[in-house]
Amino acid sequence: MSAREDAVTITAYPDGPLLVRGAAVFESPDGEPIEVTRRTVALCRCGLSTIKPFCDGTHKAAGFRTDA
């Protein structure tokens, strides 16, 4: 795997989740590993997802808005 493929990028989508791409490692607040099977994951920013820390799309129905 090249350094470019290994690099982690985080993109904040307006009024939506954070998209994390690359070889990121996720842990619970207790330091337990969170298994991720994809190279791109969406993290919840609205706080309403039922599958936190991941996004389930609830932000749309809730009308979540990010600051400009």
C-alpha atoms as a PDB file:
ATOM      1  CA  MET A   1       0.000   0.000   0.000  1.00  0.00           C
ATOM      2  CA  SER A   2       1.419   3.378  -0.951  1.00  0.00           C
ATOM      3  CA  ALA A   3       1.618   6.381   1.375  1.00  0.00           C
ATOM      4  CA  ARG A   4      -1.091   8.035  -0.705  1.00  0.00           C
ATOM      5  CA  GLU A   5      -3.470   5.093  -0.204  1.00  0.00           C
ATOM      6  CA  ASP A   6      -2.630   5.085   3.515  1.00  0.00           C
ATOM      7  CA  ALA A   7      -3.239   8.829   4.019  1.00  0.00           C
ATOM      8  CA  VAL A   8      -6.308   9.791   6.019  1.00  0.00           C
ATOM      9  CA  THR A   9      -8.472  12.664   4.849  1.00  0.00           C
ATOM     10  CA  ILE A  10     -11.498  14.144   6.602  1.00  0.00           C
ATOM     11  CA  THR A  11     -14.057  16.129   4.641  1.00  0.00           C
ATOM     12  CA  ALA A  12     -16.837  18.032   6.391  1.00  0.00           C
ATOM     13  CA  TYR A  13     -19.948  18.011   4.247  1.00  0.00           C
ATOM     14  CA  PRO A  14     -22.189  21.064   4.608  1.00  0.00           C
ATOM     15  CA  ASP A  15     -25.190  20.162   6.764  1.00  0.00           C
ATOM     16  CA  GLY A  16     -24.001  16.565   6.905  1.00  0.00           C
ATOM     17  CA  PRO A  17     -21.442  14.110   8.227  1.00  0.00           C
ATOM     18  CA  LEU A  18     -17.675  14.026   8.298  1.00  0.00           C
ATOM     19  CA  LEU A  19     -16.373  11.676   5.617  1.00  0.00           C
ATOM     20  CA  VAL A  20     -13.200   9.899   6.656  1.00  0.00           C
ATOM     21  CA  ARG A  21     -11.188   8.252   3.902  1.00  0.00           C
ATOM     22  CA  GLY A  22      -8.069   6.140   4.289  1.00  0.00           C
ATOM     23  CA  ALA A  23      -6.498   3.936   6.912  1.00  0.00           C
ATOM     24  CA  ALA A  24      -8.061   5.590   9.962  1.00  0.00           C
ATOM     25  CA  VAL A  25      -8.267   3.774  13.287  1.00  0.00           C
ATOM     26  CA  PHE A  26     -11.415   4.294  15.348  1.00  0.00           C
ATOM     27  CA  GLU A  27     -11.768   3.813  19.109  1.00  0.00           C
ATOM     28  CA  SER A  28     -14.619   4.113  21.584  1.00  0.00           C
ATOM     29  CA  PRO A  29     -14.349   6.665  24.418  1.00  0.00           C
ATOM     30  CA  ASP A  30     -13.036   3.753  26.531  1.00  0.00           C
ATOM     31  CA  GLY A  31     -10.244   3.054  24.052  1.00  0.00           C
ATOM     32  CA  GLU A  32     -11.860  -0.072  22.626  1.00  0.00           C
ATOM     33  CA  PRO A  33     -11.316  -0.541  18.890  1.00  0.00           C
ATOM     34  CA  ILE A  34     -14.313   0.032  16.621  1.00  0.00           C
ATOM     35  CA  GLU A  35     -14.250  -2.329  13.664  1.00  0.00           C
ATOM     36  CA  VAL A  36     -14.511  -0.608  10.289  1.00  0.00           C
ATOM     37  CA  THR A  37     -14.734  -2.666   7.118  1.00  0.00           C
ATOM     38  CA  ARG A  38     -14.728   0.190   4.595  1.00  0.00           C
ATOM     39  CA  ARG A  39     -12.042   2.633   3.487  1.00  0.00           C
ATOM     40  CA  THR A  40     -14.581   5.492   3.614  1.00  0.00           C
ATOM     41  CA  VAL A  41     -16.901   6.064   6.579  1.00  0.00           C
ATOM     42  CA  ALA A  42     -19.339   8.834   7.489  1.00  0.00           C
ATOM     43  CA  LEU A  43     -19.202  10.119  11.064  1.00  0.00           C
ATOM     44  CA  CYS A  44     -22.234  11.724  12.707  1.00  0.00           C
ATOM     45  CA  ARG A  45     -22.046  15.455  13.455  1.00  0.00           C
ATOM     46  CA  CYS A  46     -25.660  16.093  14.466  1.00  0.00           C
ATOM     47  CA  GLY A  47     -25.572  13.803  17.512  1.00  0.00           C
ATOM     48  CA  LEU A  48     -28.833  12.085  16.578  1.00  0.00           C
ATOM     49  CA  SER A  49     -27.609   8.965  14.772  1.00  0.00           C
ATOM     50  CA  THR A  50     -28.712   5.626  16.205  1.00  0.00           C
ATOM     51  CA  ILE A  51     -25.428   4.035  15.063  1.00  0.00           C
ATOM     52  CA  LYS A  52     -22.970   6.553  16.542  1.00  0.00           C
ATOM     53  CA  PRO A  53     -20.232   7.331  15.864  1.00  0.00           C
ATOM     54  CA  PHE A  54     -21.405   6.639  12.321  1.00  0.00           C
ATOM     55  CA  CYS A  55     -23.976   8.621  10.358  1.00  0.00           C
ATOM     56  CA  ASP A  56     -27.373   7.063   9.637  1.00  0.00           C
ATOM     57  CA  GLY A  57     -28.832  10.022   7.726  1.00  0.00           C
ATOM     58  CA  THR A  58     -30.930  11.341  10.636  1.00  0.00           C
ATOM     59  CA  HIS A  59     -29.434  14.816  10.119  1.00  0.00           C
ATOM     60  CA  LYS A  60     -31.613  15.282   7.031  1.00  0.00           C
ATOM     61  CA  ALA A  61     -34.949  14.710   8.796  1.00  0.00           C
ATOM     62  CA  ALA A  62     -33.778  16.709  11.820  1.00  0.00           C
ATOM     63  CA  GLY A  63     -32.851  19.722   9.698  1.00  0.00           C
ATOM     64  CA  PHE A  64     -29.257  19.740  10.975  1.00  0.00           C
ATOM     65  CA  ARG A  65     -27.339  22.776   9.726  1.00  0.00           C
ATOM     66  CA  THR A  66     -23.660  23.609  10.013  1.00  0.00           C
ATOM     67  CA  ASP A  67     -22.365  27.141  10.418  1.00  0.00           C
ATOM     68  CA  ALA A  68     -21.264  28.836   7.227  1.00  0.00           C
END
